[in-house]
Amino acid sequence: MTDPVVGTSHAITLANLTPYTTYHYRVEEDGVPLSADAAFLTAAGPDQTKFTFAALGDTHTGHQIHQEVVDRIAAMEPDFALHTGDLVYKGSEFPYWETFFEIEGELMSRVPLFPALGNHEQNHQNYFDLFYLPGNERWYTFDYGNARFICLQVDGKVDYGPGSEQYDWLERELAANTQPWLFVNFHIPPYTSIRRDESDIEHDVREALAPLFEQYGVDVVFTGHNHNYERNEVNGVTYIVTGGGGAPALYKTEESELTREAFEVVYHFVLLEIDGNHLEAKVTSNQGRILDEFERTGP
């Protein structure tokens, strides 16, 4: 495939590819290779009911830790990865993005990354220039195998509450879902044992979105924002806080009335495997320690 547009940023659509198949590629300009041979796996079709994916978040500025987390994810060879936001420290400053892609580049050359906007992205145009995502790129959905994934913009920059454009879109997508597994990914968690002094935005997120997740049978909600790992099981929904991708100043827990199944103050990522109607998840630290494991059975 060729893009005739002159520039340094290109988006090229490859059509008629076979689902869940490895394809090799390289980037060239006028026949001169600009990259080594690389390979990617196309998305699983609806008949493919076994696959793996990773989730991480809050990678900004902790570059050595970020690299350690990414290296461990790469060794697990997931089919794709979710990022819960705060990819970089300041989305408006391009050098942070250059460092991010230096760390993530090798993994992303073969494992697709589906990010959510965090508050540190600052809702800046750099994010939209550097990624090519479905829909309006702020909130979007995609199917993979027998699962549907919905990504939201819950970063304190746009409205997500009832009556907003995003909320109405979310409810339509949830109502229209026919996939057995349903996952949602965004930045600020509705359930957390961390108390922040500046606002009670987590309460606002919980009041606005948790009823929808319960009504439409969401299985797992991935979030970040707080620099730790936390798992909460609330009214049939598993809420994961995975904010340990590298950001400094890990957050310690405080007393909370909220349900808490697991909590670790450590850098980490989550690896999940879907096999038919069974989900297994394993949380691993940047040093390779297993922090938490859990399972869910789908419909």
C-alpha atoms as a PDB file:
ATOM      1  CA  MET A   1       0.000   0.000   0.000  1.00  0.00           C
ATOM      2  CA  THR A   2       1.214   3.489  -0.846  1.00  0.00           C
ATOM      3  CA  ASP A   3       0.357   6.877   0.624  1.00  0.00           C
ATOM      4  CA  PRO A   4       1.008   9.638  -1.940  1.00  0.00           C
ATOM      5  CA  VAL A   5       0.814  12.393   0.696  1.00  0.00           C
ATOM      6  CA  VAL A   6       4.167  13.965   1.487  1.00  0.00           C
ATOM      7  CA  GLY A   7       4.830  14.233   5.220  1.00  0.00           C
ATOM      8  CA  THR A   8       6.026  12.392   8.298  1.00  0.00           C
ATOM      9  CA  SER A   9       2.668  11.127   9.584  1.00  0.00           C
ATOM     10  CA  HIS A  10       0.768   8.526   7.569  1.00  0.00           C
ATOM     11  CA  ALA A  11      -2.328   6.390   8.095  1.00  0.00           C
ATOM     12  CA  ILE A  12      -2.783   3.547   5.630  1.00  0.00           C
ATOM     13  CA  THR A  13      -5.691   1.113   5.512  1.00  0.00           C
ATOM     14  CA  LEU A  14      -4.918  -2.506   4.621  1.00  0.00           C
ATOM     15  CA  ALA A  15      -8.004  -4.220   3.242  1.00  0.00           C
ATOM     16  CA  ASN A  16      -9.087  -7.831   2.694  1.00  0.00           C
ATOM     17  CA  LEU A  17      -6.857  -9.324   5.383  1.00  0.00           C
ATOM     18  CA  THR A  18      -7.648 -12.695   6.959  1.00  0.00           C
ATOM     19  CA  PRO A  19      -8.693 -12.516  10.637  1.00  0.00           C
ATOM     20  CA  TYR A  20      -6.237 -13.640  13.312  1.00  0.00           C
ATOM     21  CA  THR A  21      -3.410 -14.087  10.845  1.00  0.00           C
ATOM     22  CA  THR A  22       0.195 -12.901  11.004  1.00  0.00           C
ATOM     23  CA  TYR A  23       1.308 -10.499   8.270  1.00  0.00           C
ATOM     24  CA  HIS A  24       4.830  -9.214   7.730  1.00  0.00           C
ATOM     25  CA  TYR A  25       5.495  -5.637   6.665  1.00  0.00           C
ATOM     26  CA  ARG A  26       8.095  -2.919   6.450  1.00  0.00           C
ATOM     27  CA  VAL A  27       8.069   0.798   5.727  1.00  0.00           C
ATOM     28  CA  GLU A  28       9.784   2.078   2.589  1.00  0.00           C
ATOM     29  CA  GLU A  29      10.209   5.397   0.810  1.00  0.00           C
ATOM     30  CA  ASP A  30      10.844   5.245  -2.925  1.00  0.00           C
ATOM     31  CA  GLY A  31      11.981   1.653  -2.509  1.00  0.00           C
ATOM     32  CA  VAL A  32      14.416   2.487   0.302  1.00  0.00           C
ATOM     33  CA  PRO A  33      13.649   0.552   3.532  1.00  0.00           C
ATOM     34  CA  LEU A  34      12.997   2.786   6.533  1.00  0.00           C
ATOM     35  CA  SER A  35      12.326  -0.085   8.912  1.00  0.00           C
ATOM     36  CA  ALA A  36      13.327  -3.663   9.454  1.00  0.00           C
ATOM     37  CA  ASP A  37      10.909  -6.485   8.785  1.00  0.00           C
ATOM     38  CA  ALA A  38       8.096  -6.505  11.347  1.00  0.00           C
ATOM     39  CA  ALA A  39       4.900  -8.504  11.782  1.00  0.00           C
ATOM     40  CA  PHE A  40       1.441  -8.001  13.270  1.00  0.00           C
ATOM     41  CA  LEU A  41      -1.538 -10.219  14.002  1.00  0.00           C
ATOM     42  CA  THR A  42      -4.856  -9.146  12.534  1.00  0.00           C
ATOM     43  CA  ALA A  43      -7.832  -8.916  14.875  1.00  0.00           C
ATOM     44  CA  ALA A  44      -9.708 -12.062  15.795  1.00  0.00           C
ATOM     45  CA  GLY A  45     -13.054 -12.578  14.085  1.00  0.00           C
ATOM     46  CA  PRO A  46     -16.222 -13.554  15.957  1.00  0.00           C
ATOM     47  CA  ASP A  47     -15.457 -17.268  15.586  1.00  0.00           C
ATOM     48  CA  GLN A  48     -12.100 -16.868  17.371  1.00  0.00           C
ATOM     49  CA  THR A  49     -12.958 -17.212  21.057  1.00  0.00           C
ATOM     50  CA  LYS A  50      -9.474 -17.551  22.556  1.00  0.00           C
ATOM     51  CA  PHE A  51      -7.082 -14.602  22.774  1.00  0.00           C
ATOM     52  CA  THR A  52      -5.033 -12.548  25.229  1.00  0.00           C
ATOM     53  CA  PHE A  53      -4.628  -8.859  25.903  1.00  0.00           C
ATOM     54  CA  ALA A  54      -2.738  -6.645  28.333  1.00  0.00           C
ATOM     55  CA  ALA A  55      -3.780  -3.529  30.254  1.00  0.00           C
ATOM     56  CA  LEU A  56      -1.514  -0.852  31.721  1.00  0.00           C
ATOM     57  CA  GLY A  57      -1.708   2.817  32.588  1.00  0.00           C
ATOM     58  CA  ASP A  58      -0.015   5.954  33.921  1.00  0.00           C
ATOM     59  CA  THR A  59       3.343   5.471  32.231  1.00  0.00           C
ATOM     60  CA  HIS A  60       4.419   9.122  32.200  1.00  0.00           C
ATOM     61  CA  THR A  61       7.972  10.168  33.216  1.00  0.00           C
ATOM     62  CA  GLY A  62       8.934   6.907  34.927  1.00  0.00           C
ATOM     63  CA  HIS A  63      10.870   5.881  31.860  1.00  0.00           C
ATOM     64  CA  GLN A  64      12.986   3.053  33.303  1.00  0.00           C
ATOM     65  CA  ILE A  65       9.960   1.500  35.021  1.00  0.00           C
ATOM     66  CA  HIS A  66       7.859   2.014  31.895  1.00  0.00           C
ATOM     67  CA  GLN A  67      10.506   0.128  29.899  1.00  0.00           C
ATOM     68  CA  GLU A  68      10.530  -2.731  32.418  1.00  0.00           C
ATOM     69  CA  VAL A  69       6.743  -3.039  32.269  1.00  0.00           C
ATOM     70  CA  VAL A  70       6.718  -2.952  28.462  1.00  0.00           C
ATOM     71  CA  ASP A  71       9.474  -5.573  28.259  1.00  0.00           C
ATOM     72  CA  ARG A  72       7.473  -7.935  30.444  1.00  0.00           C
ATOM     73  CA  ILE A  73       4.326  -7.354  28.383  1.00  0.00           C
ATOM     74  CA  ALA A  74       6.271  -8.070  25.193  1.00  0.00           C
ATOM     75  CA  ALA A  75       7.543 -11.348  26.664  1.00  0.00           C
ATOM     76  CA  MET A  76       3.920 -12.423  27.261  1.00  0.00           C
ATOM     77  CA  GLU A  77       3.064 -11.814  23.563  1.00  0.00           C
ATOM     78  CA  PRO A  78      -0.499 -10.519  24.001  1.00  0.00           C
ATOM     79  CA  ASP A  79      -2.664 -10.006  20.938  1.00  0.00           C
ATOM     80  CA  PHE A  80      -3.207  -6.326  21.785  1.00  0.00           C
ATOM     81  CA  ALA A  81      -2.973  -3.891  24.700  1.00  0.00           C
ATOM     82  CA  LEU A  82      -5.172  -1.305  26.415  1.00  0.00           C
ATOM     83  CA  HIS A  83      -3.770   1.860  28.007  1.00  0.00           C
ATOM     84  CA  THR A  84      -5.880   3.531  30.702  1.00  0.00           C
ATOM     85  CA  GLY A  85      -4.457   7.015  30.109  1.00  0.00           C
ATOM     86  CA  ASP A  86      -1.677   9.370  31.225  1.00  0.00           C
ATOM     87  CA  LEU A  87       0.590   7.996  28.554  1.00  0.00           C
ATOM     88  CA  VAL A  88       2.886  11.000  28.988  1.00  0.00           C
ATOM     89  CA  TYR A  89       3.445  13.723  31.577  1.00  0.00           C
ATOM     90  CA  LYS A  90       2.479  16.683  29.383  1.00  0.00           C
ATOM     91  CA  GLY A  91       0.615  15.966  26.179  1.00  0.00           C
ATOM     92  CA  SER A  92       1.349  19.454  24.885  1.00  0.00           C
ATOM     93  CA  GLU A  93       5.123  18.906  24.917  1.00  0.00           C
ATOM     94  CA  PHE A  94       6.306  16.729  22.060  1.00  0.00           C
ATOM     95  CA  PRO A  95       9.549  15.427  23.641  1.00  0.00           C
ATOM     96  CA  TYR A  96       7.468  13.419  26.112  1.00  0.00           C
ATOM     97  CA  TRP A  97       5.779  11.704  23.174  1.00  0.00           C
ATOM     98  CA  GLU A  98       9.127  10.960  21.548  1.00  0.00           C
ATOM     99  CA  THR A  99      10.256   9.186  24.713  1.00  0.00           C
ATOM    100  CA  PHE A 100       6.958   7.307  24.949  1.00  0.00           C
ATOM    101  CA  PHE A 101       7.338   5.895  21.436  1.00  0.00           C
ATOM    102  CA  GLU A 102      11.013   5.093  21.984  1.00  0.00           C
ATOM    103  CA  ILE A 103       9.908   2.850  24.850  1.00  0.00           C
ATOM    104  CA  GLU A 104       6.724   1.457  23.291  1.00  0.00           C
ATOM    105  CA  GLY A 105       7.855   1.402  19.656  1.00  0.00           C
ATOM    106  CA  GLU A 106       9.095  -2.169  19.385  1.00  0.00           C
ATOM    107  CA  LEU A 107       6.015  -3.550  21.140  1.00  0.00           C
ATOM    108  CA  MET A 108       3.641  -1.382  19.094  1.00  0.00           C
ATOM    109  CA  SER A 109       5.244  -2.509  15.836  1.00  0.00           C
ATOM    110  CA  ARG A 110       3.559  -5.884  16.405  1.00  0.00           C
ATOM    111  CA  VAL A 111       0.973  -5.412  19.186  1.00  0.00           C
ATOM    112  CA  PRO A 112      -1.814  -2.828  18.617  1.00  0.00           C
ATOM    113  CA  LEU A 113      -2.278  -0.317  21.423  1.00  0.00           C
ATOM    114  CA  PHE A 114      -5.742   1.096  22.214  1.00  0.00           C
ATOM    115  CA  PRO A 115      -5.331   4.114  24.536  1.00  0.00           C
ATOM    116  CA  ALA A 116      -7.728   6.240  26.560  1.00  0.00           C
ATOM    117  CA  LEU A 117      -7.187   9.936  27.205  1.00  0.00           C
ATOM    118  CA  GLY A 118      -5.849  10.795  30.649  1.00  0.00           C
ATOM    119  CA  ASN A 119      -5.709  14.198  32.285  1.00  0.00           C
ATOM    120  CA  HIS A 120      -1.973  14.469  31.543  1.00  0.00           C
ATOM    121  CA  GLU A 121      -2.644  14.226  27.811  1.00  0.00           C
ATOM    122  CA  GLN A 122      -4.263  17.649  28.356  1.00  0.00           C
ATOM    123  CA  ASN A 123      -6.777  16.916  25.588  1.00  0.00           C
ATOM    124  CA  HIS A 124      -4.007  18.129  23.284  1.00  0.00           C
ATOM    125  CA  GLN A 125      -3.907  17.797  19.514  1.00  0.00           C
ATOM    126  CA  ASN A 126      -0.628  15.866  19.735  1.00  0.00           C
ATOM    127  CA  TYR A 127      -2.582  12.840  20.973  1.00  0.00           C
ATOM    128  CA  PHE A 128      -4.910  12.906  17.977  1.00  0.00           C
ATOM    129  CA  ASP A 129      -2.053  13.485  15.544  1.00  0.00           C
ATOM    130  CA  LEU A 130      -0.032  10.559  16.883  1.00  0.00           C
ATOM    131  CA  PHE A 131      -2.783   7.939  17.110  1.00  0.00           C
ATOM    132  CA  TYR A 132      -5.270   6.733  14.514  1.00  0.00           C
ATOM    133  CA  LEU A 133      -8.253   5.401  16.440  1.00  0.00           C
ATOM    134  CA  PRO A 134     -11.847   4.421  15.608  1.00  0.00           C
ATOM    135  CA  GLY A 135     -14.807   6.781  15.777  1.00  0.00           C
ATOM    136  CA  ASN A 136     -14.046  10.307  16.938  1.00  0.00           C
ATOM    137  CA  GLU A 137     -10.877   8.992  18.688  1.00  0.00           C
ATOM    138  CA  ARG A 138     -12.092  10.368  22.035  1.00  0.00           C
ATOM    139  CA  TRP A 139     -14.605   7.605  22.701  1.00  0.00           C
ATOM    140  CA  TYR A 140     -14.757   4.575  20.474  1.00  0.00           C
ATOM    141  CA  THR A 141     -15.511   0.873  20.345  1.00  0.00           C
ATOM    142  CA  PHE A 142     -14.100  -2.213  18.658  1.00  0.00           C
ATOM    143  CA  ASP A 143     -14.817  -5.932  18.614  1.00  0.00           C
ATOM    144  CA  TYR A 144     -12.152  -8.575  19.096  1.00  0.00           C
ATOM    145  CA  GLY A 145     -13.142 -12.230  18.949  1.00  0.00           C
ATOM    146  CA  ASN A 146     -16.182 -12.737  21.146  1.00  0.00           C
ATOM    147  CA  ALA A 147     -15.691  -9.470  23.061  1.00  0.00           C
ATOM    148  CA  ARG A 148     -16.601  -5.818  22.685  1.00  0.00           C
ATOM    149  CA  PHE A 149     -14.320  -3.083  23.997  1.00  0.00           C
ATOM    150  CA  ILE A 150     -15.530   0.452  24.693  1.00  0.00           C
ATOM    151  CA  CYS A 151     -13.088   3.286  25.342  1.00  0.00           C
ATOM    152  CA  LEU A 152     -14.262   6.538  26.969  1.00  0.00           C
ATOM    153  CA  GLN A 153     -12.842   9.999  27.624  1.00  0.00           C
ATOM    154  CA  VAL A 154     -13.161  10.353  31.384  1.00  0.00           C
ATOM    155  CA  ASP A 155     -10.243  12.682  32.086  1.00  0.00           C
ATOM    156  CA  GLY A 156     -11.913  15.726  33.609  1.00  0.00           C
ATOM    157  CA  LYS A 157     -11.796  17.567  30.274  1.00  0.00           C
ATOM    158  CA  VAL A 158     -15.171  16.723  28.699  1.00  0.00           C
ATOM    159  CA  ASP A 159     -18.640  15.834  29.940  1.00  0.00           C
ATOM    160  CA  TYR A 160     -19.553  12.171  30.436  1.00  0.00           C
ATOM    161  CA  GLY A 161     -22.689  12.556  32.549  1.00  0.00           C
ATOM    162  CA  PRO A 162     -26.348  11.956  31.643  1.00  0.00           C
ATOM    163  CA  GLY A 163     -27.471  14.143  28.762  1.00  0.00           C
ATOM    164  CA  SER A 164     -23.975  14.585  27.358  1.00  0.00           C
ATOM    165  CA  GLU A 165     -23.005  13.471  23.866  1.00  0.00           C
ATOM    166  CA  GLN A 166     -20.604  10.891  25.281  1.00  0.00           C
ATOM    167  CA  TYR A 167     -23.115   9.436  27.737  1.00  0.00           C
ATOM    168  CA  ASP A 168     -25.789   9.072  25.064  1.00  0.00           C
ATOM    169  CA  TRP A 169     -23.292   7.396  22.735  1.00  0.00           C
ATOM    170  CA  LEU A 170     -22.186   5.031  25.511  1.00  0.00           C
ATOM    171  CA  GLU A 171     -25.729   3.985  26.340  1.00  0.00           C
ATOM    172  CA  ARG A 172     -26.477   3.273  22.674  1.00  0.00           C
ATOM    173  CA  GLU A 173     -23.320   1.165  22.346  1.00  0.00           C
ATOM    174  CA  LEU A 174     -24.047  -0.779  25.515  1.00  0.00           C
ATOM    175  CA  ALA A 175     -27.645  -1.427  24.492  1.00  0.00           C
ATOM    176  CA  ALA A 176     -26.608  -2.591  21.021  1.00  0.00           C
ATOM    177  CA  ASN A 177     -23.923  -5.003  22.216  1.00  0.00           C
ATOM    178  CA  THR A 178     -24.401  -8.658  21.271  1.00  0.00           C
ATOM    179  CA  GLN A 179     -20.957  -9.946  22.223  1.00  0.00           C
ATOM    180  CA  PRO A 180     -20.684 -12.326  25.223  1.00  0.00           C
ATOM    181  CA  TRP A 181     -17.846 -10.324  26.806  1.00  0.00           C
ATOM    182  CA  LEU A 182     -18.028  -6.580  27.430  1.00  0.00           C
ATOM    183  CA  PHE A 183     -15.124  -4.402  28.611  1.00  0.00           C
ATOM    184  CA  VAL A 184     -14.834  -0.654  29.207  1.00  0.00           C
ATOM    185  CA  ASN A 185     -11.596   1.340  29.373  1.00  0.00           C
ATOM    186  CA  PHE A 186     -11.075   4.915  30.636  1.00  0.00           C
ATOM    187  CA  HIS A 187      -8.910   6.953  32.996  1.00  0.00           C
ATOM    188  CA  ILE A 188     -10.510   8.135  36.270  1.00  0.00           C
ATOM    189  CA  PRO A 189     -11.804   5.235  38.402  1.00  0.00           C
ATOM    190  CA  PRO A 190     -15.326   5.141  39.838  1.00  0.00           C
ATOM    191  CA  TYR A 191     -14.233   2.809  42.642  1.00  0.00           C
ATOM    192  CA  THR A 192     -10.957   3.321  44.495  1.00  0.00           C
ATOM    193  CA  SER A 193      -9.585   3.319  48.033  1.00  0.00           C
ATOM    194  CA  ILE A 194      -7.484   6.397  47.314  1.00  0.00           C
ATOM    195  CA  ARG A 195      -8.840   9.700  48.564  1.00  0.00           C
ATOM    196  CA  ARG A 196      -7.836  12.822  46.661  1.00  0.00           C
ATOM    197  CA  ASP A 197      -8.037  16.252  48.243  1.00  0.00           C
ATOM    198  CA  GLU A 198      -8.587  18.325  45.097  1.00  0.00           C
ATOM    199  CA  SER A 199     -12.031  16.975  44.169  1.00  0.00           C
ATOM    200  CA  ASP A 200     -14.463  14.117  44.451  1.00  0.00           C
ATOM    201  CA  ILE A 201     -14.446  13.333  40.748  1.00  0.00           C
ATOM    202  CA  GLU A 202     -14.353   9.592  41.430  1.00  0.00           C
ATOM    203  CA  HIS A 203     -17.752   9.931  43.148  1.00  0.00           C
ATOM    204  CA  ASP A 204     -19.091  11.825  40.131  1.00  0.00           C
ATOM    205  CA  VAL A 205     -17.827   9.121  37.762  1.00  0.00           C
ATOM    206  CA  ARG A 206     -19.391   6.426  39.930  1.00  0.00           C
ATOM    207  CA  GLU A 207     -22.754   8.165  40.095  1.00  0.00           C
ATOM    208  CA  ALA A 208     -22.854   8.790  36.345  1.00  0.00           C
ATOM    209  CA  LEU A 209     -21.492   5.563  34.865  1.00  0.00           C
ATOM    210  CA  ALA A 210     -21.720   2.654  37.320  1.00  0.00           C
ATOM    211  CA  PRO A 211     -25.514   2.274  36.891  1.00  0.00           C
ATOM    212  CA  LEU A 212     -25.038   1.856  33.136  1.00  0.00           C
ATOM    213  CA  PHE A 213     -22.321  -0.748  33.611  1.00  0.00           C
ATOM    214  CA  GLU A 214     -24.561  -2.733  35.940  1.00  0.00           C
ATOM    215  CA  GLN A 215     -27.653  -2.382  33.768  1.00  0.00           C
ATOM    216  CA  TYR A 216     -25.960  -3.605  30.598  1.00  0.00           C
ATOM    217  CA  GLY A 217     -23.777  -6.310  32.095  1.00  0.00           C
ATOM    218  CA  VAL A 218     -20.269  -4.932  31.699  1.00  0.00           C
ATOM    219  CA  ASP A 219     -17.767  -7.566  32.811  1.00  0.00           C
ATOM    220  CA  VAL A 220     -14.600  -5.570  33.535  1.00  0.00           C
ATOM    221  CA  VAL A 221     -13.883  -1.829  33.741  1.00  0.00           C
ATOM    222  CA  PHE A 222     -10.223  -0.803  33.348  1.00  0.00           C
ATOM    223  CA  THR A 223      -9.084   2.547  34.760  1.00  0.00           C
ATOM    224  CA  GLY A 224      -5.891   4.270  35.902  1.00  0.00           C
ATOM    225  CA  HIS A 225      -5.230   7.732  37.388  1.00  0.00           C
ATOM    226  CA  ASN A 226      -4.172   6.361  40.783  1.00  0.00           C
ATOM    227  CA  HIS A 227      -0.623   5.022  40.752  1.00  0.00           C
ATOM    228  CA  ASN A 228      -1.244   1.564  42.131  1.00  0.00           C
ATOM    229  CA  TYR A 229      -3.172  -1.647  41.468  1.00  0.00           C
ATOM    230  CA  GLU A 230      -6.655  -2.213  42.829  1.00  0.00           C
ATOM    231  CA  ARG A 231      -9.502  -4.644  42.124  1.00  0.00           C
ATOM    232  CA  ASN A 232     -13.040  -4.048  43.302  1.00  0.00           C
ATOM    233  CA  GLU A 233     -16.054  -6.320  42.716  1.00  0.00           C
ATOM    234  CA  VAL A 234     -19.236  -4.244  42.842  1.00  0.00           C
ATOM    235  CA  ASN A 235     -22.705  -5.453  41.826  1.00  0.00           C
ATOM    236  CA  GLY A 236     -21.377  -7.979  39.349  1.00  0.00           C
ATOM    237  CA  VAL A 237     -18.811  -5.681  37.717  1.00  0.00           C
ATOM    238  CA  THR A 238     -15.044  -6.068  38.172  1.00  0.00           C
ATOM    239  CA  TYR A 239     -13.325  -2.685  38.490  1.00  0.00           C
ATOM    240  CA  ILE A 240      -9.572  -2.621  37.872  1.00  0.00           C
ATOM    241  CA  VAL A 241      -7.286   0.298  38.667  1.00  0.00           C
ATOM    242  CA  THR A 242      -4.061  -0.254  36.740  1.00  0.00           C
ATOM    243  CA  GLY A 243      -2.050   2.926  37.169  1.00  0.00           C
ATOM    244  CA  GLY A 244       1.370   1.408  37.789  1.00  0.00           C
ATOM    245  CA  GLY A 245       2.977   1.705  34.363  1.00  0.00           C
ATOM    246  CA  GLY A 246       5.830   3.978  35.431  1.00  0.00           C
ATOM    247  CA  ALA A 247       4.521   7.243  36.857  1.00  0.00           C
ATOM    248  CA  PRO A 248       6.428   8.247  40.008  1.00  0.00           C
ATOM    249  CA  ALA A 249       4.982   8.592  43.502  1.00  0.00           C
ATOM    250  CA  LEU A 250       3.014   5.392  43.918  1.00  0.00           C
ATOM    251  CA  TYR A 251      -0.183   5.979  45.910  1.00  0.00           C
ATOM    252  CA  LYS A 252      -0.740   4.245  49.227  1.00  0.00           C
ATOM    253  CA  THR A 253      -4.156   3.140  50.422  1.00  0.00           C
ATOM    254  CA  GLU A 254      -6.311   4.817  53.039  1.00  0.00           C
ATOM    255  CA  GLU A 255      -9.399   3.696  54.896  1.00  0.00           C
ATOM    256  CA  SER A 256     -12.387   3.452  52.565  1.00  0.00           C
ATOM    257  CA  GLU A 257     -15.948   2.244  52.736  1.00  0.00           C
ATOM    258  CA  LEU A 258     -15.645   0.871  49.207  1.00  0.00           C
ATOM    259  CA  THR A 259     -15.300  -2.845  48.560  1.00  0.00           C
ATOM    260  CA  ARG A 260     -11.722  -3.861  47.894  1.00  0.00           C
ATOM    261  CA  GLU A 261     -10.692  -7.319  46.731  1.00  0.00           C
ATOM    262  CA  ALA A 262      -7.020  -6.606  46.062  1.00  0.00           C
ATOM    263  CA  PHE A 263      -4.612  -3.689  46.458  1.00  0.00           C
ATOM    264  CA  GLU A 264      -0.892  -3.374  45.725  1.00  0.00           C
ATOM    265  CA  VAL A 265       1.361  -0.318  45.758  1.00  0.00           C
ATOM    266  CA  VAL A 266       3.662  -1.459  42.973  1.00  0.00           C
ATOM    267  CA  TYR A 267       4.440  -1.000  39.284  1.00  0.00           C
ATOM    268  CA  HIS A 268       2.634  -3.585  37.191  1.00  0.00           C
ATOM    269  CA  PHE A 269       0.427  -4.595  34.272  1.00  0.00           C
ATOM    270  CA  VAL A 270      -2.558  -6.924  33.829  1.00  0.00           C
ATOM    271  CA  LEU A 271      -2.648  -9.840  31.390  1.00  0.00           C
ATOM    272  CA  LEU A 272      -6.031 -11.358  30.548  1.00  0.00           C
ATOM    273  CA  GLU A 273      -6.943 -14.476  28.572  1.00  0.00           C
ATOM    274  CA  ILE A 274     -10.375 -15.138  27.118  1.00  0.00           C
ATOM    275  CA  ASP A 275     -11.170 -18.763  26.339  1.00  0.00           C
ATOM    276  CA  GLY A 276     -14.793 -19.139  25.299  1.00  0.00           C
ATOM    277  CA  ASN A 277     -16.918 -18.158  28.297  1.00  0.00           C
ATOM    278  CA  HIS A 278     -13.980 -18.168  30.718  1.00  0.00           C
ATOM    279  CA  LEU A 279     -11.664 -15.284  31.641  1.00  0.00           C
ATOM    280  CA  GLU A 280      -8.410 -15.611  33.562  1.00  0.00           C
ATOM    281  CA  ALA A 281      -6.384 -12.583  34.656  1.00  0.00           C
ATOM    282  CA  LYS A 282      -2.930 -12.315  36.154  1.00  0.00           C
ATOM    283  CA  VAL A 283      -1.356  -9.125  37.504  1.00  0.00           C
ATOM    284  CA  THR A 284       2.447  -9.005  37.296  1.00  0.00           C
ATOM    285  CA  SER A 285       4.876  -6.468  38.734  1.00  0.00           C
ATOM    286  CA  ASN A 286       7.699  -4.888  36.739  1.00  0.00           C
ATOM    287  CA  GLN A 287       9.990  -7.318  38.594  1.00  0.00           C
ATOM    288  CA  GLY A 288       7.935 -10.375  37.623  1.00  0.00           C
ATOM    289  CA  ARG A 289       6.109 -10.935  40.919  1.00  0.00           C
ATOM    290  CA  ILE A 290       2.502 -12.174  40.665  1.00  0.00           C
ATOM    291  CA  LEU A 291       0.351  -9.668  42.540  1.00  0.00           C
ATOM    292  CA  ASP A 292      -3.185 -10.899  41.946  1.00  0.00           C
ATOM    293  CA  GLU A 293      -5.123 -13.482  39.964  1.00  0.00           C
ATOM    294  CA  PHE A 294      -8.837 -13.647  39.297  1.00  0.00           C
ATOM    295  CA  GLU A 295     -11.347 -15.402  37.052  1.00  0.00           C
ATOM    296  CA  ARG A 296     -14.768 -14.647  35.603  1.00  0.00           C
ATOM    297  CA  THR A 297     -17.275 -16.815  33.802  1.00  0.00           C
ATOM    298  CA  GLY A 298     -19.218 -15.231  30.974  1.00  0.00           C
ATOM    299  CA  PRO A 299     -22.798 -15.896  29.932  1.00  0.00           C
END
